[in-house]
């Protein structure tokens, strides 16, 4: 597939050239949006939605229980529609347990500790949940030191076991970056149950990310390449193979005539991060500048016609300072407008 065609099709599948009506529609289409940077994860939904979307609009979806954040794959936090959390973990949890086992052993986390944490936390999480700091206080109260990543790994384990997730956003002035941990059984009222979760995961990935390969899906999902091939086999007939090894959605969203050529995408955005091979959207000489770097960070990017042309930060957008451009944009005003859209999103 020609590179220009690949980019155009991915812009459409990512709902960047075919934005959705609401942020919950965007979340449903993407299924899982990487969100260890909570602000960037919320912006990822807003930039895929029509109109002047504000941070409070996304937070409202979390507060109402329509969206949650959880370690759904690769040991990484993602925002997902609450109704899809259970079946996604049904596919990905075992693999995540395997990958985390050695580190958790080093931290002294065993089944006896898990049982004690569940017994102590469950009653405290009812009626609104707890912040991470409050959870750690509970752990200290039963003699468990949460430092050195032990507390985070315990929260991770309880999440992939299906007990907890991150739900309502903690209110504060400015851009809040904290949520409450809540019980899944209390917070999530509706649970989707696809007949074939493994095949469904492949279909939903292709719907929101195609054209993409089995290797891309394996990277995104954290599954083995063998499991990824099995998922693709299960999805046969529900996706289109547009050329050897490359799959697209059977039904693609319609592009909007008002779509801009330039988008300011947040850190770890799915458009860049969710592929094994990122050279289709970013020139090889710029990959190191975007990331992942030695610290694991993937920087916020500016894309024009689907191609990465530079990087930016929240401070750049909010303070009206120049972004870092790798090449001159065809339309400098569109770059300014893309950054201004984030500033509006993050403002009051």
C-alpha atoms as a PDB file:
ATOM      1  CA  UNK A   1       0.000   0.000   0.000  1.00  0.00           C
ATOM      2  CA  UNK A   2       1.313   3.440  -0.898  1.00  0.00           C
ATOM      3  CA  UNK A   3       2.388   5.464   2.121  1.00  0.00           C
ATOM      4  CA  UNK A   4      -0.008   8.333   1.342  1.00  0.00           C
ATOM      5  CA  UNK A   5      -2.919   5.887   1.130  1.00  0.00           C
ATOM      6  CA  UNK A   6      -1.886   4.207   4.386  1.00  0.00           C
ATOM      7  CA  UNK A   7      -1.835   7.547   6.188  1.00  0.00           C
ATOM      8  CA  UNK A   8      -5.178   8.648   4.744  1.00  0.00           C
ATOM      9  CA  UNK A   9      -6.823   5.387   5.775  1.00  0.00           C
ATOM     10  CA  UNK A  10      -5.337   5.500   9.262  1.00  0.00           C
ATOM     11  CA  UNK A  11      -6.461   9.095   9.728  1.00  0.00           C
ATOM     12  CA  UNK A  12      -9.962   7.875   8.959  1.00  0.00           C
ATOM     13  CA  UNK A  13      -9.863   4.771  11.163  1.00  0.00           C
ATOM     14  CA  UNK A  14      -8.442   6.845  14.030  1.00  0.00           C
ATOM     15  CA  UNK A  15     -11.390   9.233  13.610  1.00  0.00           C
ATOM     16  CA  UNK A  16      -9.040  12.150  12.988  1.00  0.00           C
ATOM     17  CA  UNK A  17     -10.444  12.858   9.514  1.00  0.00           C
ATOM     18  CA  UNK A  18     -13.832  11.361  10.455  1.00  0.00           C
ATOM     19  CA  UNK A  19     -14.464  12.598  14.011  1.00  0.00           C
ATOM     20  CA  UNK A  20     -17.193  11.129  16.194  1.00  0.00           C
ATOM     21  CA  UNK A  21     -20.173  12.890  17.738  1.00  0.00           C
ATOM     22  CA  UNK A  22     -19.188  12.404  21.409  1.00  0.00           C
ATOM     23  CA  UNK A  23     -16.125  11.435  23.427  1.00  0.00           C
ATOM     24  CA  UNK A  24     -17.838   8.190  24.452  1.00  0.00           C
ATOM     25  CA  UNK A  25     -18.353   7.398  20.762  1.00  0.00           C
ATOM     26  CA  UNK A  26     -14.639   8.003  20.198  1.00  0.00           C
ATOM     27  CA  UNK A  27     -13.778   5.702  23.096  1.00  0.00           C
ATOM     28  CA  UNK A  28     -16.089   2.983  21.811  1.00  0.00           C
ATOM     29  CA  UNK A  29     -14.529   3.181  18.365  1.00  0.00           C
ATOM     30  CA  UNK A  30     -10.923   3.135  19.587  1.00  0.00           C
ATOM     31  CA  UNK A  31     -11.688   0.560  22.346  1.00  0.00           C
ATOM     32  CA  UNK A  32      -8.492   1.289  24.293  1.00  0.00           C
ATOM     33  CA  UNK A  33      -6.547   4.561  24.325  1.00  0.00           C
ATOM     34  CA  UNK A  34      -3.154   4.616  26.020  1.00  0.00           C
ATOM     35  CA  UNK A  35      -3.481   6.831  29.078  1.00  0.00           C
ATOM     36  CA  UNK A  36      -0.615   6.589  31.546  1.00  0.00           C
ATOM     37  CA  UNK A  37      -0.483  10.343  30.910  1.00  0.00           C
ATOM     38  CA  UNK A  38      -4.061  11.011  31.970  1.00  0.00           C
ATOM     39  CA  UNK A  39      -4.297  14.439  30.352  1.00  0.00           C
ATOM     40  CA  UNK A  40      -2.996  13.084  27.038  1.00  0.00           C
ATOM     41  CA  UNK A  41      -5.399  10.146  27.218  1.00  0.00           C
ATOM     42  CA  UNK A  42      -8.365  12.459  27.665  1.00  0.00           C
ATOM     43  CA  UNK A  43      -7.150  14.712  24.845  1.00  0.00           C
ATOM     44  CA  UNK A  44      -6.860  11.646  22.589  1.00  0.00           C
ATOM     45  CA  UNK A  45     -10.638  11.267  22.846  1.00  0.00           C
ATOM     46  CA  UNK A  46     -11.355  14.984  22.474  1.00  0.00           C
ATOM     47  CA  UNK A  47      -9.231  15.375  19.327  1.00  0.00           C
ATOM     48  CA  UNK A  48     -11.250  12.551  17.742  1.00  0.00           C
ATOM     49  CA  UNK A  49     -14.572  14.246  18.524  1.00  0.00           C
ATOM     50  CA  UNK A  50     -16.387  16.983  16.616  1.00  0.00           C
ATOM     51  CA  UNK A  51     -16.736  20.473  17.980  1.00  0.00           C
ATOM     52  CA  UNK A  52     -15.264  22.371  20.906  1.00  0.00           C
ATOM     53  CA  UNK A  53     -14.712  19.547  23.399  1.00  0.00           C
ATOM     54  CA  UNK A  54     -13.513  20.542  26.868  1.00  0.00           C
ATOM     55  CA  UNK A  55     -11.666  18.589  29.518  1.00  0.00           C
ATOM     56  CA  UNK A  56     -14.757  18.648  31.697  1.00  0.00           C
ATOM     57  CA  UNK A  57     -16.716  16.852  28.954  1.00  0.00           C
ATOM     58  CA  UNK A  58     -14.337  13.895  29.121  1.00  0.00           C
ATOM     59  CA  UNK A  59     -14.239  13.956  32.923  1.00  0.00           C
ATOM     60  CA  UNK A  60     -18.019  13.838  32.998  1.00  0.00           C
ATOM     61  CA  UNK A  61     -17.932  10.537  31.089  1.00  0.00           C
ATOM     62  CA  UNK A  62     -15.605   9.103  33.755  1.00  0.00           C
ATOM     63  CA  UNK A  63     -17.773  10.444  36.578  1.00  0.00           C
ATOM     64  CA  UNK A  64     -20.889   8.909  35.044  1.00  0.00           C
ATOM     65  CA  UNK A  65     -19.235   5.513  34.733  1.00  0.00           C
ATOM     66  CA  UNK A  66     -19.128   5.407  30.938  1.00  0.00           C
ATOM     67  CA  UNK A  67     -15.331   5.429  30.798  1.00  0.00           C
ATOM     68  CA  UNK A  68     -12.747   3.866  33.089  1.00  0.00           C
ATOM     69  CA  UNK A  69      -8.983   3.649  33.151  1.00  0.00           C
ATOM     70  CA  UNK A  70      -7.216   0.349  33.757  1.00  0.00           C
ATOM     71  CA  UNK A  71      -4.141  -1.728  32.951  1.00  0.00           C
ATOM     72  CA  UNK A  72      -5.765  -3.446  30.004  1.00  0.00           C
ATOM     73  CA  UNK A  73      -2.693  -4.504  28.020  1.00  0.00           C
ATOM     74  CA  UNK A  74       1.128  -4.439  28.079  1.00  0.00           C
ATOM     75  CA  UNK A  75       1.006  -3.483  31.761  1.00  0.00           C
ATOM     76  CA  UNK A  76       0.016   0.005  30.608  1.00  0.00           C
ATOM     77  CA  UNK A  77      -2.920   2.177  31.620  1.00  0.00           C
ATOM     78  CA  UNK A  78      -5.584   2.640  28.941  1.00  0.00           C
ATOM     79  CA  UNK A  79      -8.929   4.413  28.854  1.00  0.00           C
ATOM     80  CA  UNK A  80     -11.697   2.027  27.782  1.00  0.00           C
ATOM     81  CA  UNK A  81     -15.493   2.077  27.676  1.00  0.00           C
ATOM     82  CA  UNK A  82     -16.528   0.631  31.020  1.00  0.00           C
ATOM     83  CA  UNK A  83     -18.742  -1.993  29.397  1.00  0.00           C
ATOM     84  CA  UNK A  84     -15.744  -3.427  27.517  1.00  0.00           C
ATOM     85  CA  UNK A  85     -13.311  -3.739  30.426  1.00  0.00           C
ATOM     86  CA  UNK A  86     -14.256  -7.246  31.509  1.00  0.00           C
ATOM     87  CA  UNK A  87     -13.984  -9.040  28.201  1.00  0.00           C
ATOM     88  CA  UNK A  88     -10.769  -7.229  27.220  1.00  0.00           C
ATOM     89  CA  UNK A  89      -9.122  -8.415  30.445  1.00  0.00           C
ATOM     90  CA  UNK A  90     -10.469 -11.876  29.752  1.00  0.00           C
ATOM     91  CA  UNK A  91      -8.142 -11.887  26.734  1.00  0.00           C
ATOM     92  CA  UNK A  92      -5.134  -9.952  28.053  1.00  0.00           C
ATOM     93  CA  UNK A  93      -4.900 -10.578  31.812  1.00  0.00           C
ATOM     94  CA  UNK A  94      -3.071 -13.915  31.722  1.00  0.00           C
ATOM     95  CA  UNK A  95      -0.356 -12.533  29.495  1.00  0.00           C
ATOM     96  CA  UNK A  96       0.047  -9.508  31.776  1.00  0.00           C
ATOM     97  CA  UNK A  97       0.299 -11.767  34.841  1.00  0.00           C
ATOM     98  CA  UNK A  98       3.064 -13.742  33.165  1.00  0.00           C
ATOM     99  CA  UNK A  99       4.996 -10.625  32.242  1.00  0.00           C
ATOM    100  CA  UNK A 100       4.694  -9.103  35.744  1.00  0.00           C
ATOM    101  CA  UNK A 101       5.360 -12.297  37.734  1.00  0.00           C
ATOM    102  CA  UNK A 102       9.115 -11.859  38.160  1.00  0.00           C
ATOM    103  CA  UNK A 103       8.874  -8.245  39.297  1.00  0.00           C
ATOM    104  CA  UNK A 104       6.063  -9.026  41.721  1.00  0.00           C
ATOM    105  CA  UNK A 105       8.077 -11.898  43.151  1.00  0.00           C
ATOM    106  CA  UNK A 106      10.956  -9.466  43.752  1.00  0.00           C
ATOM    107  CA  UNK A 107       8.525  -7.162  45.577  1.00  0.00           C
ATOM    108  CA  UNK A 108       7.322  -9.979  47.821  1.00  0.00           C
ATOM    109  CA  UNK A 109       3.822  -9.984  46.345  1.00  0.00           C
ATOM    110  CA  UNK A 110       2.276 -13.426  46.758  1.00  0.00           C
ATOM    111  CA  UNK A 111      -1.241 -14.828  47.001  1.00  0.00           C
ATOM    112  CA  UNK A 112      -1.354 -14.384  50.777  1.00  0.00           C
ATOM    113  CA  UNK A 113      -0.583 -10.683  50.376  1.00  0.00           C
ATOM    114  CA  UNK A 114      -3.194 -10.330  47.626  1.00  0.00           C
ATOM    115  CA  UNK A 115      -5.824 -11.964  49.838  1.00  0.00           C
ATOM    116  CA  UNK A 116      -4.995  -9.617  52.725  1.00  0.00           C
ATOM    117  CA  UNK A 117      -5.157  -6.546  50.469  1.00  0.00           C
ATOM    118  CA  UNK A 118      -8.507  -7.564  48.981  1.00  0.00           C
ATOM    119  CA  UNK A 119      -9.966  -8.100  52.469  1.00  0.00           C
ATOM    120  CA  UNK A 120      -8.726  -4.713  53.705  1.00  0.00           C
ATOM    121  CA  UNK A 121      -9.565  -2.657  50.616  1.00  0.00           C
ATOM    122  CA  UNK A 122     -12.935  -4.019  49.488  1.00  0.00           C
ATOM    123  CA  UNK A 123     -15.052  -2.449  52.268  1.00  0.00           C
ATOM    124  CA  UNK A 124     -13.107   0.820  52.058  1.00  0.00           C
ATOM    125  CA  UNK A 125     -13.654   1.134  48.305  1.00  0.00           C
ATOM    126  CA  UNK A 126     -17.418   1.089  48.590  1.00  0.00           C
ATOM    127  CA  UNK A 127     -19.407   4.317  48.324  1.00  0.00           C
ATOM    128  CA  UNK A 128     -17.139   6.400  46.128  1.00  0.00           C
ATOM    129  CA  UNK A 129     -13.753   4.721  46.151  1.00  0.00           C
ATOM    130  CA  UNK A 130     -10.319   5.891  47.243  1.00  0.00           C
ATOM    131  CA  UNK A 131      -7.473   7.894  45.739  1.00  0.00           C
ATOM    132  CA  UNK A 132      -4.127   6.188  45.264  1.00  0.00           C
ATOM    133  CA  UNK A 133      -2.770   7.920  48.369  1.00  0.00           C
ATOM    134  CA  UNK A 134      -5.729   6.726  50.421  1.00  0.00           C
ATOM    135  CA  UNK A 135      -5.262   3.176  49.122  1.00  0.00           C
ATOM    136  CA  UNK A 136      -1.624   3.288  50.170  1.00  0.00           C
ATOM    137  CA  UNK A 137      -2.647   4.408  53.663  1.00  0.00           C
ATOM    138  CA  UNK A 138      -4.844   1.312  53.922  1.00  0.00           C
ATOM    139  CA  UNK A 139      -1.912  -0.858  52.835  1.00  0.00           C
ATOM    140  CA  UNK A 140       0.341   0.703  55.453  1.00  0.00           C
ATOM    141  CA  UNK A 141      -2.374   0.059  58.038  1.00  0.00           C
ATOM    142  CA  UNK A 142      -2.092  -3.692  57.443  1.00  0.00           C
ATOM    143  CA  UNK A 143       1.698  -3.680  57.443  1.00  0.00           C
ATOM    144  CA  UNK A 144       2.380  -3.511  53.697  1.00  0.00           C
ATOM    145  CA  UNK A 145       4.912  -0.936  52.488  1.00  0.00           C
ATOM    146  CA  UNK A 146       3.567   0.547  49.201  1.00  0.00           C
ATOM    147  CA  UNK A 147       6.876   2.152  48.191  1.00  0.00           C
ATOM    148  CA  UNK A 148       9.288   0.821  45.595  1.00  0.00           C
ATOM    149  CA  UNK A 149       6.375   0.163  43.182  1.00  0.00           C
ATOM    150  CA  UNK A 150       4.820  -2.414  45.532  1.00  0.00           C
ATOM    151  CA  UNK A 151       1.630  -0.379  45.897  1.00  0.00           C
ATOM    152  CA  UNK A 152       1.300   0.177  42.155  1.00  0.00           C
ATOM    153  CA  UNK A 153       1.852  -3.506  41.409  1.00  0.00           C
ATOM    154  CA  UNK A 154      -0.822  -4.444  43.933  1.00  0.00           C
ATOM    155  CA  UNK A 155      -3.271  -2.055  42.262  1.00  0.00           C
ATOM    156  CA  UNK A 156      -2.288  -3.498  38.889  1.00  0.00           C
ATOM    157  CA  UNK A 157      -2.905  -7.040  40.111  1.00  0.00           C
ATOM    158  CA  UNK A 158      -6.323  -6.199  41.578  1.00  0.00           C
ATOM    159  CA  UNK A 159      -7.223  -4.482  38.303  1.00  0.00           C
ATOM    160  CA  UNK A 160      -6.324  -7.357  35.981  1.00  0.00           C
ATOM    161  CA  UNK A 161      -8.078  -9.721  38.398  1.00  0.00           C
ATOM    162  CA  UNK A 162     -11.236  -7.731  37.658  1.00  0.00           C
ATOM    163  CA  UNK A 163     -11.788  -6.299  41.142  1.00  0.00           C
ATOM    164  CA  UNK A 164     -11.047  -2.593  40.679  1.00  0.00           C
ATOM    165  CA  UNK A 165     -10.622   0.136  38.070  1.00  0.00           C
ATOM    166  CA  UNK A 166     -10.054   3.893  38.039  1.00  0.00           C
ATOM    167  CA  UNK A 167     -13.300   5.803  37.724  1.00  0.00           C
ATOM    168  CA  UNK A 168     -14.424   9.267  38.897  1.00  0.00           C
ATOM    169  CA  UNK A 169     -11.991  12.141  38.478  1.00  0.00           C
ATOM    170  CA  UNK A 170     -10.875  13.827  41.696  1.00  0.00           C
ATOM    171  CA  UNK A 171     -12.063  17.460  41.515  1.00  0.00           C
ATOM    172  CA  UNK A 172      -9.476  20.228  41.873  1.00  0.00           C
ATOM    173  CA  UNK A 173      -8.588  23.547  40.276  1.00  0.00           C
ATOM    174  CA  UNK A 174      -6.755  23.343  36.972  1.00  0.00           C
ATOM    175  CA  UNK A 175      -6.080  20.090  35.135  1.00  0.00           C
ATOM    176  CA  UNK A 176      -6.669  17.260  37.572  1.00  0.00           C
ATOM    177  CA  UNK A 177      -4.565  14.153  37.043  1.00  0.00           C
ATOM    178  CA  UNK A 178      -6.065  11.836  39.657  1.00  0.00           C
ATOM    179  CA  UNK A 179      -8.957   9.406  39.782  1.00  0.00           C
ATOM    180  CA  UNK A 180     -10.574   7.287  42.453  1.00  0.00           C
ATOM    181  CA  UNK A 181     -10.122   3.536  42.492  1.00  0.00           C
ATOM    182  CA  UNK A 182     -13.552   1.913  42.633  1.00  0.00           C
ATOM    183  CA  UNK A 183     -14.990  -1.587  42.741  1.00  0.00           C
ATOM    184  CA  UNK A 184     -15.910  -2.911  39.302  1.00  0.00           C
ATOM    185  CA  UNK A 185     -18.989  -4.662  40.675  1.00  0.00           C
ATOM    186  CA  UNK A 186     -20.331  -1.353  42.014  1.00  0.00           C
ATOM    187  CA  UNK A 187     -19.155   1.086  39.369  1.00  0.00           C
ATOM    188  CA  UNK A 188     -19.784  -0.738  36.094  1.00  0.00           C
ATOM    189  CA  UNK A 189     -23.452  -1.439  35.476  1.00  0.00           C
ATOM    190  CA  UNK A 190     -23.296  -2.952  31.982  1.00  0.00           C
ATOM    191  CA  UNK A 191     -20.868  -5.600  30.746  1.00  0.00           C
ATOM    192  CA  UNK A 192     -20.467  -6.469  27.073  1.00  0.00           C
ATOM    193  CA  UNK A 193     -20.001 -10.172  26.380  1.00  0.00           C
ATOM    194  CA  UNK A 194     -18.863 -10.902  22.808  1.00  0.00           C
ATOM    195  CA  UNK A 195     -19.180 -14.524  21.694  1.00  0.00           C
ATOM    196  CA  UNK A 196     -15.505 -14.612  20.694  1.00  0.00           C
ATOM    197  CA  UNK A 197     -13.461 -12.149  22.793  1.00  0.00           C
ATOM    198  CA  UNK A 198     -10.156 -12.957  21.085  1.00  0.00           C
ATOM    199  CA  UNK A 199     -11.565 -12.349  17.616  1.00  0.00           C
ATOM    200  CA  UNK A 200     -13.442  -9.291  18.867  1.00  0.00           C
ATOM    201  CA  UNK A 201     -10.210  -7.742  20.138  1.00  0.00           C
ATOM    202  CA  UNK A 202      -8.619  -8.076  16.697  1.00  0.00           C
ATOM    203  CA  UNK A 203     -11.692  -6.645  14.944  1.00  0.00           C
ATOM    204  CA  UNK A 204     -11.906  -3.675  17.284  1.00  0.00           C
ATOM    205  CA  UNK A 205      -8.179  -2.984  16.923  1.00  0.00           C
ATOM    206  CA  UNK A 206      -8.453  -2.963  13.142  1.00  0.00           C
ATOM    207  CA  UNK A 207     -11.604  -0.828  13.258  1.00  0.00           C
ATOM    208  CA  UNK A 208      -9.766   1.853  15.232  1.00  0.00           C
ATOM    209  CA  UNK A 209      -6.240   1.467  13.852  1.00  0.00           C
ATOM    210  CA  UNK A 210      -6.257  -0.146  10.411  1.00  0.00           C
ATOM    211  CA  UNK A 211      -4.693  -0.686   7.977  1.00  0.00           C
ATOM    212  CA  UNK A 212      -2.493  -2.753  10.283  1.00  0.00           C
ATOM    213  CA  UNK A 213      -0.786  -6.122  10.440  1.00  0.00           C
ATOM    214  CA  UNK A 214      -0.869  -9.065  12.823  1.00  0.00           C
ATOM    215  CA  UNK A 215       2.524  -7.932  14.140  1.00  0.00           C
ATOM    216  CA  UNK A 216       1.036  -4.488  14.854  1.00  0.00           C
ATOM    217  CA  UNK A 217      -1.837  -6.106  16.736  1.00  0.00           C
ATOM    218  CA  UNK A 218       0.566  -8.277  18.743  1.00  0.00           C
ATOM    219  CA  UNK A 219       2.506  -5.167  19.794  1.00  0.00           C
ATOM    220  CA  UNK A 220      -0.645  -3.223  20.714  1.00  0.00           C
ATOM    221  CA  UNK A 221      -2.373  -6.020  22.608  1.00  0.00           C
ATOM    222  CA  UNK A 222       0.718  -7.415  24.303  1.00  0.00           C
ATOM    223  CA  UNK A 223      -0.233 -10.927  23.159  1.00  0.00           C
ATOM    224  CA  UNK A 224       2.263 -13.339  21.657  1.00  0.00           C
ATOM    225  CA  UNK A 225       2.589 -13.444  17.891  1.00  0.00           C
ATOM    226  CA  UNK A 226       0.979 -16.892  17.960  1.00  0.00           C
ATOM    227  CA  UNK A 227      -2.012 -15.561  19.901  1.00  0.00           C
ATOM    228  CA  UNK A 228      -2.214 -12.615  17.504  1.00  0.00           C
ATOM    229  CA  UNK A 229      -2.335 -14.931  14.497  1.00  0.00           C
ATOM    230  CA  UNK A 230      -5.078 -16.927  16.208  1.00  0.00           C
ATOM    231  CA  UNK A 231      -7.019 -13.722  16.837  1.00  0.00           C
ATOM    232  CA  UNK A 232      -6.747 -12.798  13.153  1.00  0.00           C
ATOM    233  CA  UNK A 233      -8.018 -16.252  12.192  1.00  0.00           C
ATOM    234  CA  UNK A 234     -10.986 -15.816  14.547  1.00  0.00           C
ATOM    235  CA  UNK A 235     -11.739 -12.453  12.920  1.00  0.00           C
ATOM    236  CA  UNK A 236     -11.807 -13.875   9.386  1.00  0.00           C
ATOM    237  CA  UNK A 237     -14.791 -12.473   7.511  1.00  0.00           C
ATOM    238  CA  UNK A 238     -15.162  -9.511   9.880  1.00  0.00           C
ATOM    239  CA  UNK A 239     -12.188  -7.526   8.553  1.00  0.00           C
ATOM    240  CA  UNK A 240     -10.806  -7.010   5.055  1.00  0.00           C
ATOM    241  CA  UNK A 241      -7.326  -8.050   3.977  1.00  0.00           C
ATOM    242  CA  UNK A 242      -6.441  -5.155   1.692  1.00  0.00           C
ATOM    243  CA  UNK A 243      -3.121  -6.685   0.723  1.00  0.00           C
ATOM    244  CA  UNK A 244      -0.940  -9.526   1.962  1.00  0.00           C
ATOM    245  CA  UNK A 245      -0.724  -9.264   5.738  1.00  0.00           C
ATOM    246  CA  UNK A 246      -2.500  -5.898   5.979  1.00  0.00           C
ATOM    247  CA  UNK A 247      -6.045  -5.610   7.351  1.00  0.00           C
ATOM    248  CA  UNK A 248      -8.671  -2.857   7.296  1.00  0.00           C
ATOM    249  CA  UNK A 249     -12.132  -2.496   8.770  1.00  0.00           C
ATOM    250  CA  UNK A 250     -14.999  -4.008   6.831  1.00  0.00           C
ATOM    251  CA  UNK A 251     -16.924  -0.724   7.215  1.00  0.00           C
ATOM    252  CA  UNK A 252     -15.003   2.539   7.397  1.00  0.00           C
ATOM    253  CA  UNK A 253     -16.257   5.849   8.803  1.00  0.00           C
ATOM    254  CA  UNK A 254     -17.017   8.651   6.384  1.00  0.00           C
ATOM    255  CA  UNK A 255     -14.493  11.467   6.229  1.00  0.00           C
ATOM    256  CA  UNK A 256     -15.758  14.923   7.003  1.00  0.00           C
ATOM    257  CA  UNK A 257     -15.231  17.657   4.432  1.00  0.00           C
ATOM    258  CA  UNK A 258     -14.249  20.015   7.258  1.00  0.00           C
ATOM    259  CA  UNK A 259     -11.366  17.852   8.492  1.00  0.00           C
ATOM    260  CA  UNK A 260      -8.170  19.801   9.128  1.00  0.00           C
ATOM    261  CA  UNK A 261      -4.846  18.711   7.663  1.00  0.00           C
ATOM    262  CA  UNK A 262      -2.979  19.312  10.944  1.00  0.00           C
ATOM    263  CA  UNK A 263      -3.594  17.657  14.325  1.00  0.00           C
ATOM    264  CA  UNK A 264      -1.842  18.174  17.638  1.00  0.00           C
ATOM    265  CA  UNK A 265      -1.771  14.680  19.144  1.00  0.00           C
ATOM    266  CA  UNK A 266      -0.898  14.029  22.768  1.00  0.00           C
ATOM    267  CA  UNK A 267       1.912  12.009  24.298  1.00  0.00           C
ATOM    268  CA  UNK A 268       1.617   8.269  23.595  1.00  0.00           C
ATOM    269  CA  UNK A 269      -1.161   8.870  21.063  1.00  0.00           C
ATOM    270  CA  UNK A 270      -2.519   5.715  19.445  1.00  0.00           C
ATOM    271  CA  UNK A 271      -1.877   7.095  15.961  1.00  0.00           C
ATOM    272  CA  UNK A 272       1.861   6.792  16.579  1.00  0.00           C
ATOM    273  CA  UNK A 273       2.382   4.328  19.428  1.00  0.00           C
ATOM    274  CA  UNK A 274       0.090   1.434  18.528  1.00  0.00           C
ATOM    275  CA  UNK A 275       2.130  -0.141  15.712  1.00  0.00           C
ATOM    276  CA  UNK A 276       5.207  -2.327  15.607  1.00  0.00           C
ATOM    277  CA  UNK A 277       6.433  -0.297  12.610  1.00  0.00           C
ATOM    278  CA  UNK A 278       5.911   3.469  12.921  1.00  0.00           C
ATOM    279  CA  UNK A 279       7.782   4.525   9.797  1.00  0.00           C
ATOM    280  CA  UNK A 280       4.539   4.719   7.852  1.00  0.00           C
ATOM    281  CA  UNK A 281       3.636   7.903   9.729  1.00  0.00           C
ATOM    282  CA  UNK A 282       7.023   9.157  10.901  1.00  0.00           C
ATOM    283  CA  UNK A 283      10.249   9.465   8.931  1.00  0.00           C
ATOM    284  CA  UNK A 284      12.947   7.132  10.323  1.00  0.00           C
ATOM    285  CA  UNK A 285      15.264  10.056  11.084  1.00  0.00           C
ATOM    286  CA  UNK A 286      12.641  11.535  13.441  1.00  0.00           C
ATOM    287  CA  UNK A 287      11.695   8.381  15.370  1.00  0.00           C
ATOM    288  CA  UNK A 288      14.308   8.904  18.083  1.00  0.00           C
ATOM    289  CA  UNK A 289      13.118  12.471  18.649  1.00  0.00           C
ATOM    290  CA  UNK A 290       9.540  11.301  19.184  1.00  0.00           C
ATOM    291  CA  UNK A 291      10.312   8.191  21.241  1.00  0.00           C
ATOM    292  CA  UNK A 292      10.077   5.946  23.071  1.00  0.00           C
ATOM    293  CA  UNK A 293      13.233   7.365  24.589  1.00  0.00           C
ATOM    294  CA  UNK A 294      15.394   5.904  27.350  1.00  0.00           C
ATOM    295  CA  UNK A 295      12.828   7.106  29.875  1.00  0.00           C
ATOM    296  CA  UNK A 296      10.031   5.347  28.002  1.00  0.00           C
ATOM    297  CA  UNK A 297       8.369   8.603  27.040  1.00  0.00           C
ATOM    298  CA  UNK A 298       6.667   9.169  23.692  1.00  0.00           C
ATOM    299  CA  UNK A 299       6.306  12.857  22.972  1.00  0.00           C
ATOM    300  CA  UNK A 300       3.248  14.733  21.795  1.00  0.00           C
ATOM    301  CA  UNK A 301       3.335  15.111  18.009  1.00  0.00           C
ATOM    302  CA  UNK A 302       2.134  17.451  15.310  1.00  0.00           C
ATOM    303  CA  UNK A 303       0.940  15.646  12.202  1.00  0.00           C
ATOM    304  CA  UNK A 304       0.128  17.123   8.797  1.00  0.00           C
ATOM    305  CA  UNK A 305      -1.719  14.937   6.301  1.00  0.00           C
ATOM    306  CA  UNK A 306      -0.959  12.019   8.603  1.00  0.00           C
ATOM    307  CA  UNK A 307       2.814  12.605   8.702  1.00  0.00           C
ATOM    308  CA  UNK A 308       4.687  13.601  11.887  1.00  0.00           C
ATOM    309  CA  UNK A 309       6.197  17.045  11.295  1.00  0.00           C
ATOM    310  CA  UNK A 310       7.172  18.001  14.838  1.00  0.00           C
ATOM    311  CA  UNK A 311       6.622  17.771  18.581  1.00  0.00           C
ATOM    312  CA  UNK A 312       4.919  20.008  21.115  1.00  0.00           C
ATOM    313  CA  UNK A 313       4.119  20.168  24.811  1.00  0.00           C
ATOM    314  CA  UNK A 314       1.146  21.307  26.838  1.00  0.00           C
ATOM    315  CA  UNK A 315       3.167  24.370  27.819  1.00  0.00           C
ATOM    316  CA  UNK A 316       3.713  25.224  24.138  1.00  0.00           C
ATOM    317  CA  UNK A 317      -0.028  25.169  23.511  1.00  0.00           C
ATOM    318  CA  UNK A 318      -1.006  27.033  26.660  1.00  0.00           C
ATOM    319  CA  UNK A 319       1.715  29.703  26.510  1.00  0.00           C
ATOM    320  CA  UNK A 320       1.644  30.336  22.771  1.00  0.00           C
ATOM    321  CA  UNK A 321       5.323  29.465  22.257  1.00  0.00           C
ATOM    322  CA  UNK A 322       6.706  27.810  19.098  1.00  0.00           C
ATOM    323  CA  UNK A 323       6.624  24.004  18.800  1.00  0.00           C
ATOM    324  CA  UNK A 324       9.631  21.951  17.720  1.00  0.00           C
ATOM    325  CA  UNK A 325       9.183  21.388  13.990  1.00  0.00           C
ATOM    326  CA  UNK A 326      11.146  18.807  12.007  1.00  0.00           C
ATOM    327  CA  UNK A 327      10.077  20.410   8.745  1.00  0.00           C
ATOM    328  CA  UNK A 328       8.098  23.440   7.699  1.00  0.00           C
ATOM    329  CA  UNK A 329       4.332  22.861   7.523  1.00  0.00           C
ATOM    330  CA  UNK A 330       2.439  23.587   4.331  1.00  0.00           C
ATOM    331  CA  UNK A 331      -0.071  25.546   6.394  1.00  0.00           C
ATOM    332  CA  UNK A 332       1.461  27.268   9.463  1.00  0.00           C
ATOM    333  CA  UNK A 333      -1.942  28.677  10.429  1.00  0.00           C
ATOM    334  CA  UNK A 334      -3.304  25.141  10.721  1.00  0.00           C
ATOM    335  CA  UNK A 335      -0.532  24.308  13.208  1.00  0.00           C
ATOM    336  CA  UNK A 336      -1.523  27.307  15.309  1.00  0.00           C
ATOM    337  CA  UNK A 337      -5.181  26.261  15.142  1.00  0.00           C
ATOM    338  CA  UNK A 338      -4.371  22.700  16.222  1.00  0.00           C
ATOM    339  CA  UNK A 339      -2.459  23.929  19.277  1.00  0.00           C
ATOM    340  CA  UNK A 340      -5.179  26.464  20.048  1.00  0.00           C
ATOM    341  CA  UNK A 341      -7.723  23.644  20.070  1.00  0.00           C
ATOM    342  CA  UNK A 342      -5.813  21.912  22.867  1.00  0.00           C
ATOM    343  CA  UNK A 343      -5.562  25.214  24.770  1.00  0.00           C
ATOM    344  CA  UNK A 344      -9.348  25.542  24.525  1.00  0.00           C
ATOM    345  CA  UNK A 345      -9.786  21.936  25.664  1.00  0.00           C
ATOM    346  CA  UNK A 346      -7.621  22.455  28.728  1.00  0.00           C
ATOM    347  CA  UNK A 347      -9.073  25.869  29.618  1.00  0.00           C
ATOM    348  CA  UNK A 348     -12.090  26.633  31.797  1.00  0.00           C
END
